[in-house]
Amino acid sequence: MPIDGDASEVSLSAVKTPGRIVLDVRDALHAICSTGKGRCWYCDRRLPRAQEAVRSGWDVQRVEGERVATIILICPRCQLKSEDMKVPERSLAARM
């Protein structure tokens, strides 16, 4: 940005309202499985390898927090009980 007297004024945009982020469940599972550290948010069941996690129906959800969002994993068993469990901003995971 020039500092001379002919410099044009630069305005900063207002804070943008965050839009809903679409989560690609398959890509997220592959990324998380590659770390070998994923577990179900509810029952602490260990995340299997990527192909098995996708095939068996593991879900990845984004939970909006005050400062940052959290990504959680939910195993197929806990998804069956999920009506009793409250998780805001559920993902629209396509069942494979």
PDB file of N, CA and C in Angstrom:
ATOM      1  N   MET A   1       0.841  -1.163   0.000  1.00  0.00           N
ATOM      2  CA  MET A   1       0.000   0.000   0.000  1.00  0.00           C
ATOM      3  C   MET A   1       0.893   1.236   0.000  1.00  0.00           C
ATOM      4  N   PRO A   2       0.692   2.161  -0.947  1.00  0.00           N
ATOM      5  CA  PRO A   2       1.538   3.352  -0.996  1.00  0.00           C
ATOM      6  C   PRO A   2       1.279   4.260   0.182  1.00  0.00           C
ATOM      7  N   ILE A   3       2.340   4.991   0.574  1.00  0.00           N
ATOM      8  CA  ILE A   3       2.220   5.884   1.720  1.00  0.00           C
ATOM      9  C   ILE A   3       2.240   7.341   1.268  1.00  0.00           C
ATOM     10  N   ASP A   4       2.125   7.619  -0.020  1.00  0.00           N
ATOM     11  CA  ASP A   4       2.166   9.007  -0.476  1.00  0.00           C
ATOM     12  C   ASP A   4       0.814   9.699  -0.300  1.00  0.00           C
ATOM     13  N   GLY A   5       0.740  10.973  -0.615  1.00  0.00           N
ATOM     14  CA  GLY A   5      -0.476  11.752  -0.426  1.00  0.00           C
ATOM     15  C   GLY A   5      -1.595  11.365  -1.358  1.00  0.00           C
ATOM     16  N   ASP A   6      -1.326  10.661  -2.443  1.00  0.00           N
ATOM     17  CA  ASP A   6      -2.349  10.256  -3.399  1.00  0.00           C
ATOM     18  C   ASP A   6      -2.913   8.871  -3.095  1.00  0.00           C
ATOM     19  N   ALA A   7      -2.565   8.332  -1.958  1.00  0.00           N
ATOM     20  CA  ALA A   7      -3.017   6.987  -1.628  1.00  0.00           C
ATOM     21  C   ALA A   7      -4.534   6.970  -1.491  1.00  0.00           C
ATOM     22  N   SER A   8      -5.132   5.949  -2.060  1.00  0.00           N
ATOM     23  CA  SER A   8      -6.581   5.818  -1.929  1.00  0.00           C
ATOM     24  C   SER A   8      -6.911   5.207  -0.568  1.00  0.00           C
ATOM     25  N   GLU A   9      -8.086   5.511  -0.107  1.00  0.00           N
ATOM     26  CA  GLU A   9      -8.510   5.022   1.206  1.00  0.00           C
ATOM     27  C   GLU A   9      -8.901   3.552   1.076  1.00  0.00           C
ATOM     28  N   VAL A  10      -8.483   2.782   2.035  1.00  0.00           N
ATOM     29  CA  VAL A  10      -8.807   1.360   2.042  1.00  0.00           C
ATOM     30  C   VAL A  10      -9.791   1.122   3.166  1.00  0.00           C
ATOM     31  N   SER A  11     -10.899   0.498   2.835  1.00  0.00           N
ATOM     32  CA  SER A  11     -11.862   0.186   3.886  1.00  0.00           C
ATOM     33  C   SER A  11     -11.859  -1.317   4.131  1.00  0.00           C
ATOM     34  N   LEU A  12     -11.976  -1.681   5.357  1.00  0.00           N
ATOM     35  CA  LEU A  12     -12.018  -3.086   5.733  1.00  0.00           C
ATOM     36  C   LEU A  12     -13.462  -3.549   5.726  1.00  0.00           C
ATOM     37  N   SER A  13     -13.683  -4.748   5.276  1.00  0.00           N
ATOM     38  CA  SER A  13     -15.055  -5.258   5.259  1.00  0.00           C
ATOM     39  C   SER A  13     -15.510  -5.539   6.682  1.00  0.00           C
ATOM     40  N   ALA A  14     -16.803  -5.481   6.855  1.00  0.00           N
ATOM     41  CA  ALA A  14     -17.383  -5.774   8.167  1.00  0.00           C
ATOM     42  C   ALA A  14     -17.175  -7.256   8.465  1.00  0.00           C
ATOM     43  N   VAL A  15     -17.315  -7.618   9.705  1.00  0.00           N
ATOM     44  CA  VAL A  15     -17.171  -9.014  10.101  1.00  0.00           C
ATOM     45  C   VAL A  15     -18.226  -9.825   9.365  1.00  0.00           C
ATOM     46  N   LYS A  16     -17.784 -10.875   8.736  1.00  0.00           N
ATOM     47  CA  LYS A  16     -18.699 -11.709   7.979  1.00  0.00           C
ATOM     48  C   LYS A  16     -19.394 -12.694   8.898  1.00  0.00           C
ATOM     49  N   THR A  17     -20.662 -12.881   8.663  1.00  0.00           N
ATOM     50  CA  THR A  17     -21.415 -13.872   9.420  1.00  0.00           C
ATOM     51  C   THR A  17     -21.052 -15.237   8.865  1.00  0.00           C
ATOM     52  N   PRO A  18     -20.612 -16.134   9.735  1.00  0.00           N
ATOM     53  CA  PRO A  18     -20.207 -17.443   9.221  1.00  0.00           C
ATOM     54  C   PRO A  18     -21.412 -18.194   8.676  1.00  0.00           C
ATOM     55  N   GLY A  19     -21.239 -18.788   7.512  1.00  0.00           N
ATOM     56  CA  GLY A  19     -22.290 -19.615   6.939  1.00  0.00           C
ATOM     57  C   GLY A  19     -22.132 -21.044   7.410  1.00  0.00           C
ATOM     58  N   ARG A  20     -23.120 -21.845   7.148  1.00  0.00           N
ATOM     59  CA  ARG A  20     -23.056 -23.247   7.527  1.00  0.00           C
ATOM     60  C   ARG A  20     -22.038 -23.945   6.638  1.00  0.00           C
ATOM     61  N   ILE A  21     -21.148 -24.669   7.230  1.00  0.00           N
ATOM     62  CA  ILE A  21     -20.109 -25.365   6.491  1.00  0.00           C
ATOM     63  C   ILE A  21     -20.569 -26.798   6.243  1.00  0.00           C
ATOM     64  N   VAL A  22     -20.535 -27.197   4.979  1.00  0.00           N
ATOM     65  CA  VAL A  22     -20.909 -28.557   4.631  1.00  0.00           C
ATOM     66  C   VAL A  22     -19.707 -29.449   4.889  1.00  0.00           C
ATOM     67  N   LEU A  23     -19.939 -30.513   5.602  1.00  0.00           N
ATOM     68  CA  LEU A  23     -18.868 -31.415   6.005  1.00  0.00           C
ATOM     69  C   LEU A  23     -18.923 -32.659   5.135  1.00  0.00           C
ATOM     70  N   ASP A  24     -17.851 -32.968   4.459  1.00  0.00           N
ATOM     71  CA  ASP A  24     -17.766 -34.185   3.662  1.00  0.00           C
ATOM     72  C   ASP A  24     -17.353 -35.310   4.603  1.00  0.00           C
ATOM     73  N   VAL A  25     -18.309 -36.145   4.959  1.00  0.00           N
ATOM     74  CA  VAL A  25     -18.090 -37.185   5.959  1.00  0.00           C
ATOM     75  C   VAL A  25     -16.995 -38.154   5.532  1.00  0.00           C
ATOM     76  N   ARG A  26     -17.026 -38.570   4.278  1.00  0.00           N
ATOM     77  CA  ARG A  26     -16.033 -39.537   3.794  1.00  0.00           C
ATOM     78  C   ARG A  26     -14.617 -38.967   3.896  1.00  0.00           C
ATOM     79  N   ASP A  27     -14.421 -37.733   3.432  1.00  0.00           N
ATOM     80  CA  ASP A  27     -13.093 -37.113   3.511  1.00  0.00           C
ATOM     81  C   ASP A  27     -12.660 -36.906   4.956  1.00  0.00           C
ATOM     82  N   ALA A  28     -13.603 -36.486   5.803  1.00  0.00           N
ATOM     83  CA  ALA A  28     -13.281 -36.266   7.218  1.00  0.00           C
ATOM     84  C   ALA A  28     -12.875 -37.573   7.892  1.00  0.00           C
ATOM     85  N   LEU A  29     -13.605 -38.660   7.600  1.00  0.00           N
ATOM     86  CA  LEU A  29     -13.247 -39.953   8.185  1.00  0.00           C
ATOM     87  C   LEU A  29     -11.865 -40.409   7.734  1.00  0.00           C
ATOM     88  N   HIS A  30     -11.563 -40.236   6.450  1.00  0.00           N
ATOM     89  CA  HIS A  30     -10.232 -40.627   5.963  1.00  0.00           C
ATOM     90  C   HIS A  30      -9.143 -39.823   6.675  1.00  0.00           C
ATOM     91  N   ALA A  31      -9.367 -38.528   6.844  1.00  0.00           N
ATOM     92  CA  ALA A  31      -8.368 -37.679   7.508  1.00  0.00           C
ATOM     93  C   ALA A  31      -8.190 -38.071   8.975  1.00  0.00           C
ATOM     94  N   ILE A  32      -9.287 -38.291   9.661  1.00  0.00           N
ATOM     95  CA  ILE A  32      -9.211 -38.623  11.089  1.00  0.00           C
ATOM     96  C   ILE A  32      -8.645 -40.029  11.284  1.00  0.00           C
ATOM     97  N   CYS A  33      -9.049 -40.964  10.441  1.00  0.00           N
ATOM     98  CA  CYS A  33      -8.527 -42.336  10.546  1.00  0.00           C
ATOM     99  C   CYS A  33      -7.024 -42.373  10.319  1.00  0.00           C
ATOM    100  N   SER A  34      -6.525 -41.470   9.505  1.00  0.00           N
ATOM    101  CA  SER A  34      -5.084 -41.473   9.222  1.00  0.00           C
ATOM    102  C   SER A  34      -4.256 -41.137  10.457  1.00  0.00           C
ATOM    103  N   THR A  35      -4.878 -40.484  11.449  1.00  0.00           N
ATOM    104  CA  THR A  35      -4.150 -40.164  12.674  1.00  0.00           C
ATOM    105  C   THR A  35      -4.136 -41.337  13.646  1.00  0.00           C
ATOM    106  N   GLY A  36      -5.095 -42.257  13.499  1.00  0.00           N
ATOM    107  CA  GLY A  36      -5.187 -43.400  14.401  1.00  0.00           C
ATOM    108  C   GLY A  36      -5.665 -43.038  15.798  1.00  0.00           C
ATOM    109  N   LYS A  37      -6.274 -41.864  15.967  1.00  0.00           N
ATOM    110  CA  LYS A  37      -6.647 -41.426  17.310  1.00  0.00           C
ATOM    111  C   LYS A  37      -8.128 -41.135  17.502  1.00  0.00           C
ATOM    112  N   GLY A  38      -8.975 -41.432  16.528  1.00  0.00           N
ATOM    113  CA  GLY A  38     -10.390 -41.103  16.643  1.00  0.00           C
ATOM    114  C   GLY A  38     -11.166 -42.054  17.536  1.00  0.00           C
ATOM    115  N   ARG A  39     -12.122 -41.504  18.280  1.00  0.00           N
ATOM    116  CA  ARG A  39     -13.000 -42.301  19.147  1.00  0.00           C
ATOM    117  C   ARG A  39     -14.410 -41.717  19.117  1.00  0.00           C
ATOM    118  N   CYS A  40     -15.398 -42.566  19.388  1.00  0.00           N
ATOM    119  CA  CYS A  40     -16.783 -42.118  19.436  1.00  0.00           C
ATOM    120  C   CYS A  40     -16.958 -41.128  20.587  1.00  0.00           C
ATOM    121  N   TRP A  41     -17.657 -40.044  20.309  1.00  0.00           N
ATOM    122  CA  TRP A  41     -17.900 -38.987  21.301  1.00  0.00           C
ATOM    123  C   TRP A  41     -18.653 -39.526  22.509  1.00  0.00           C
ATOM    124  N   TYR A  42     -19.580 -40.469  22.305  1.00  0.00           N
ATOM    125  CA  TYR A  42     -20.454 -40.941  23.374  1.00  0.00           C
ATOM    126  C   TYR A  42     -19.923 -42.162  24.119  1.00  0.00           C
ATOM    127  N   CYS A  43     -19.440 -43.180  23.403  1.00  0.00           N
ATOM    128  CA  CYS A  43     -19.075 -44.430  24.081  1.00  0.00           C
ATOM    129  C   CYS A  43     -17.568 -44.695  24.093  1.00  0.00           C
ATOM    130  N   ASP A  44     -16.785 -43.837  23.464  1.00  0.00           N
ATOM    131  CA  ASP A  44     -15.323 -43.944  23.443  1.00  0.00           C
ATOM    132  C   ASP A  44     -14.822 -45.143  22.644  1.00  0.00           C
ATOM    133  N   ARG A  45     -15.678 -45.699  21.802  1.00  0.00           N
ATOM    134  CA  ARG A  45     -15.269 -46.803  20.932  1.00  0.00           C
ATOM    135  C   ARG A  45     -14.223 -46.293  19.942  1.00  0.00           C
ATOM    136  N   ARG A  46     -13.201 -47.084  19.704  1.00  0.00           N
ATOM    137  CA  ARG A  46     -12.099 -46.692  18.818  1.00  0.00           C
ATOM    138  C   ARG A  46     -12.552 -46.692  17.349  1.00  0.00           C
ATOM    139  N   LEU A  47     -12.150 -45.664  16.621  1.00  0.00           N
ATOM    140  CA  LEU A  47     -12.458 -45.541  15.203  1.00  0.00           C
ATOM    141  C   LEU A  47     -11.657 -46.578  14.417  1.00  0.00           C
ATOM    142  N   PRO A  48     -12.335 -47.383  13.575  1.00  0.00           N
ATOM    143  CA  PRO A  48     -11.594 -48.374  12.789  1.00  0.00           C
ATOM    144  C   PRO A  48     -10.869 -47.707  11.611  1.00  0.00           C
ATOM    145  N   ARG A  49     -10.251 -48.512  10.772  1.00  0.00           N
ATOM    146  CA  ARG A  49      -9.606 -47.981   9.565  1.00  0.00           C
ATOM    147  C   ARG A  49     -10.644 -47.295   8.683  1.00  0.00           C
ATOM    148  N   ALA A  50     -10.169 -46.432   7.793  1.00  0.00           N
ATOM    149  CA  ALA A  50     -11.056 -45.579   7.003  1.00  0.00           C
ATOM    150  C   ALA A  50     -12.123 -46.362   6.233  1.00  0.00           C
ATOM    151  N   GLN A  51     -11.740 -47.385   5.518  1.00  0.00           N
ATOM    152  CA  GLN A  51     -12.710 -48.132   4.712  1.00  0.00           C
ATOM    153  C   GLN A  51     -13.783 -48.772   5.586  1.00  0.00           C
ATOM    154  N   GLU A  52     -13.378 -49.326   6.719  1.00  0.00           N
ATOM    155  CA  GLU A  52     -14.336 -49.938   7.644  1.00  0.00           C
ATOM    156  C   GLU A  52     -15.245 -48.883   8.272  1.00  0.00           C
ATOM    157  N   ALA A  53     -14.699 -47.729   8.615  1.00  0.00           N
ATOM    158  CA  ALA A  53     -15.501 -46.659   9.215  1.00  0.00           C
ATOM    159  C   ALA A  53     -16.561 -46.163   8.241  1.00  0.00           C
ATOM    160  N   VAL A  54     -16.197 -45.981   6.993  1.00  0.00           N
ATOM    161  CA  VAL A  54     -17.158 -45.546   5.972  1.00  0.00           C
ATOM    162  C   VAL A  54     -18.199 -46.632   5.745  1.00  0.00           C
ATOM    163  N   ARG A  55     -17.758 -47.877   5.591  1.00  0.00           N
ATOM    164  CA  ARG A  55     -18.661 -48.989   5.307  1.00  0.00           C
ATOM    165  C   ARG A  55     -19.655 -49.229   6.446  1.00  0.00           C
ATOM    166  N   SER A  56     -19.198 -49.120   7.680  1.00  0.00           N
ATOM    167  CA  SER A  56     -20.077 -49.418   8.818  1.00  0.00           C
ATOM    168  C   SER A  56     -20.956 -48.242   9.234  1.00  0.00           C
ATOM    169  N   GLY A  57     -20.687 -47.043   8.685  1.00  0.00           N
ATOM    170  CA  GLY A  57     -21.606 -45.932   8.924  1.00  0.00           C
ATOM    171  C   GLY A  57     -21.229 -44.963  10.031  1.00  0.00           C
ATOM    172  N   TRP A  58     -19.952 -44.813  10.332  1.00  0.00           N
ATOM    173  CA  TRP A  58     -19.539 -43.800  11.302  1.00  0.00           C
ATOM    174  C   TRP A  58     -19.940 -42.428  10.790  1.00  0.00           C
ATOM    175  N   ASP A  59     -20.270 -41.528  11.691  1.00  0.00           N
ATOM    176  CA  ASP A  59     -20.688 -40.178  11.318  1.00  0.00           C
ATOM    177  C   ASP A  59     -19.703 -39.169  11.890  1.00  0.00           C
ATOM    178  N   VAL A  60     -19.545 -38.064  11.184  1.00  0.00           N
ATOM    179  CA  VAL A  60     -18.717 -36.953  11.632  1.00  0.00           C
ATOM    180  C   VAL A  60     -19.624 -35.749  11.721  1.00  0.00           C
ATOM    181  N   GLN A  61     -19.619 -35.079  12.866  1.00  0.00           N
ATOM    182  CA  GLN A  61     -20.487 -33.925  13.063  1.00  0.00           C
ATOM    183  C   GLN A  61     -19.684 -32.727  13.527  1.00  0.00           C
ATOM    184  N   ARG A  62     -20.145 -31.577  13.106  1.00  0.00           N
ATOM    185  CA  ARG A  62     -19.528 -30.311  13.508  1.00  0.00           C
ATOM    186  C   ARG A  62     -20.450 -29.674  14.543  1.00  0.00           C
ATOM    187  N   VAL A  63     -19.923 -29.405  15.724  1.00  0.00           N
ATOM    188  CA  VAL A  63     -20.680 -28.783  16.799  1.00  0.00           C
ATOM    189  C   VAL A  63     -20.141 -27.370  16.986  1.00  0.00           C
ATOM    190  N   GLU A  64     -20.987 -26.393  16.761  1.00  0.00           N
ATOM    191  CA  GLU A  64     -20.568 -24.998  16.883  1.00  0.00           C
ATOM    192  C   GLU A  64     -20.401 -24.638  18.357  1.00  0.00           C
ATOM    193  N   GLY A  65     -19.276 -24.045  18.679  1.00  0.00           N
ATOM    194  CA  GLY A  65     -19.015 -23.582  20.030  1.00  0.00           C
ATOM    195  C   GLY A  65     -18.981 -22.070  20.061  1.00  0.00           C
ATOM    196  N   GLU A  66     -18.752 -21.500  21.226  1.00  0.00           N
ATOM    197  CA  GLU A  66     -18.684 -20.044  21.345  1.00  0.00           C
ATOM    198  C   GLU A  66     -17.504 -19.476  20.579  1.00  0.00           C
ATOM    199  N   ARG A  67     -16.361 -20.099  20.681  1.00  0.00           N
ATOM    200  CA  ARG A  67     -15.160 -19.574  20.031  1.00  0.00           C
ATOM    201  C   ARG A  67     -14.749 -20.391  18.816  1.00  0.00           C
ATOM    202  N   VAL A  68     -14.843 -21.688  18.926  1.00  0.00           N
ATOM    203  CA  VAL A  68     -14.443 -22.552  17.822  1.00  0.00           C
ATOM    204  C   VAL A  68     -15.447 -23.695  17.676  1.00  0.00           C
ATOM    205  N   ALA A  69     -15.450 -24.308  16.519  1.00  0.00           N
ATOM    206  CA  ALA A  69     -16.291 -25.475  16.300  1.00  0.00           C
ATOM    207  C   ALA A  69     -15.510 -26.720  16.697  1.00  0.00           C
ATOM    208  N   THR A  70     -16.239 -27.757  17.062  1.00  0.00           N
ATOM    209  CA  THR A  70     -15.640 -29.025  17.428  1.00  0.00           C
ATOM    210  C   THR A  70     -16.130 -30.080  16.448  1.00  0.00           C
ATOM    211  N   ILE A  71     -15.264 -30.951  16.034  1.00  0.00           N
ATOM    212  CA  ILE A  71     -15.631 -32.066  15.176  1.00  0.00           C
ATOM    213  C   ILE A  71     -15.709 -33.301  16.060  1.00  0.00           C
ATOM    214  N   ILE A  72     -16.860 -33.991  16.012  1.00  0.00           N
ATOM    215  CA  ILE A  72     -17.011 -35.202  16.816  1.00  0.00           C
ATOM    216  C   ILE A  72     -17.315 -36.384  15.914  1.00  0.00           C
ATOM    217  N   LEU A  73     -16.973 -37.567  16.400  1.00  0.00           N
ATOM    218  CA  LEU A  73     -17.250 -38.819  15.711  1.00  0.00           C
ATOM    219  C   LEU A  73     -18.339 -39.558  16.472  1.00  0.00           C
ATOM    220  N   ILE A  74     -19.234 -40.198  15.729  1.00  0.00           N
ATOM    221  CA  ILE A  74     -20.288 -40.987  16.361  1.00  0.00           C
ATOM    222  C   ILE A  74     -20.337 -42.343  15.678  1.00  0.00           C
ATOM    223  N   CYS A  75     -20.203 -43.393  16.488  1.00  0.00           N
ATOM    224  CA  CYS A  75     -20.205 -44.749  15.951  1.00  0.00           C
ATOM    225  C   CYS A  75     -21.628 -45.150  15.554  1.00  0.00           C
ATOM    226  N   PRO A  76     -21.764 -46.200  14.740  1.00  0.00           N
ATOM    227  CA  PRO A  76     -23.094 -46.633  14.305  1.00  0.00           C
ATOM    228  C   PRO A  76     -24.025 -47.011  15.462  1.00  0.00           C
ATOM    229  N   ARG A  77     -23.494 -47.636  16.505  1.00  0.00           N
ATOM    230  CA  ARG A  77     -24.336 -48.014  17.654  1.00  0.00           C
ATOM    231  C   ARG A  77     -24.932 -46.806  18.347  1.00  0.00           C
ATOM    232  N   CYS A  78     -24.108 -45.797  18.569  1.00  0.00           N
ATOM    233  CA  CYS A  78     -24.594 -44.600  19.258  1.00  0.00           C
ATOM    234  C   CYS A  78     -25.525 -43.771  18.377  1.00  0.00           C
ATOM    235  N   GLN A  79     -25.403 -43.896  17.061  1.00  0.00           N
ATOM    236  CA  GLN A  79     -26.325 -43.199  16.173  1.00  0.00           C
ATOM    237  C   GLN A  79     -27.738 -43.731  16.339  1.00  0.00           C
ATOM    238  N   LEU A  80     -27.872 -45.016  16.650  1.00  0.00           N
ATOM    239  CA  LEU A  80     -29.194 -45.597  16.875  1.00  0.00           C
ATOM    240  C   LEU A  80     -29.848 -45.012  18.116  1.00  0.00           C
ATOM    241  N   LYS A  81     -29.038 -44.626  19.090  1.00  0.00           N
ATOM    242  CA  LYS A  81     -29.545 -44.042  20.332  1.00  0.00           C
ATOM    243  C   LYS A  81     -29.561 -42.522  20.286  1.00  0.00           C
ATOM    244  N   SER A  82     -29.201 -41.917  19.148  1.00  0.00           N
ATOM    245  CA  SER A  82     -28.950 -40.478  19.090  1.00  0.00           C
ATOM    246  C   SER A  82     -30.167 -39.603  19.346  1.00  0.00           C
ATOM    247  N   GLU A  83     -31.382 -40.132  19.269  1.00  0.00           N
ATOM    248  CA  GLU A  83     -32.546 -39.305  19.583  1.00  0.00           C
ATOM    249  C   GLU A  83     -32.514 -38.830  21.036  1.00  0.00           C
ATOM    250  N   ASP A  84     -31.946 -39.659  21.917  1.00  0.00           N
ATOM    251  CA  ASP A  84     -31.840 -39.310  23.328  1.00  0.00           C
ATOM    252  C   ASP A  84     -30.669 -38.377  23.610  1.00  0.00           C
ATOM    253  N   MET A  85     -29.719 -38.325  22.683  1.00  0.00           N
ATOM    254  CA  MET A  85     -28.508 -37.538  22.878  1.00  0.00           C
ATOM    255  C   MET A  85     -28.626 -36.247  22.087  1.00  0.00           C
ATOM    256  N   LYS A  86     -28.434 -35.142  22.743  1.00  0.00           N
ATOM    257  CA  LYS A  86     -28.553 -33.842  22.089  1.00  0.00           C
ATOM    258  C   LYS A  86     -27.203 -33.378  21.567  1.00  0.00           C
ATOM    259  N   VAL A  87     -27.104 -33.200  20.260  1.00  0.00           N
ATOM    260  CA  VAL A  87     -25.916 -32.628  19.635  1.00  0.00           C
ATOM    261  C   VAL A  87     -26.405 -31.580  18.654  1.00  0.00           C
ATOM    262  N   PRO A  88     -26.113 -30.299  18.880  1.00  0.00           N
ATOM    263  CA  PRO A  88     -26.553 -29.271  17.950  1.00  0.00           C
ATOM    264  C   PRO A  88     -25.811 -29.344  16.630  1.00  0.00           C
ATOM    265  N   GLU A  89     -26.422 -28.776  15.601  1.00  0.00           N
ATOM    266  CA  GLU A  89     -25.800 -28.678  14.271  1.00  0.00           C
ATOM    267  C   GLU A  89     -25.380 -30.046  13.740  1.00  0.00           C
ATOM    268  N   ARG A  90     -26.293 -30.996  13.770  1.00  0.00           N
ATOM    269  CA  ARG A  90     -25.968 -32.340  13.250  1.00  0.00           C
ATOM    270  C   ARG A  90     -25.618 -32.269  11.786  1.00  0.00           C
ATOM    271  N   SER A  91     -24.684 -33.073  11.374  1.00  0.00           N
ATOM    272  CA  SER A  91     -24.302 -33.103   9.962  1.00  0.00           C
ATOM    273  C   SER A  91     -25.367 -33.845   9.167  1.00  0.00           C
ATOM    274  N   LEU A  92     -25.387 -33.602   7.900  1.00  0.00           N
ATOM    275  CA  LEU A  92     -26.302 -34.305   7.015  1.00  0.00           C
ATOM    276  C   LEU A  92     -25.520 -35.397   6.302  1.00  0.00           C
ATOM    277  N   ALA A  93     -25.014 -36.313   7.086  1.00  0.00           N
ATOM    278  CA  ALA A  93     -24.149 -37.363   6.557  1.00  0.00           C
ATOM    279  C   ALA A  93     -24.953 -38.323   5.696  1.00  0.00           C
ATOM    280  N   ALA A  94     -24.462 -38.560   4.514  1.00  0.00           N
ATOM    281  CA  ALA A  94     -25.096 -39.557   3.641  1.00  0.00           C
ATOM    282  C   ALA A  94     -24.678 -40.925   4.163  1.00  0.00           C
ATOM    283  N   ARG A  95     -25.642 -41.773   4.342  1.00  0.00           N
ATOM    284  CA  ARG A  95     -25.339 -43.118   4.838  1.00  0.00           C
ATOM    285  C   ARG A  95     -24.794 -43.941   3.693  1.00  0.00           C
ATOM    286  N   MET A  96     -23.651 -44.542   3.895  1.00  0.00           N
ATOM    287  CA  MET A  96     -22.990 -45.301   2.835  1.00  0.00           C
ATOM    288  C   MET A  96     -23.438 -46.727   2.915  1.00  0.00           C
TER     289      MET A  96
END
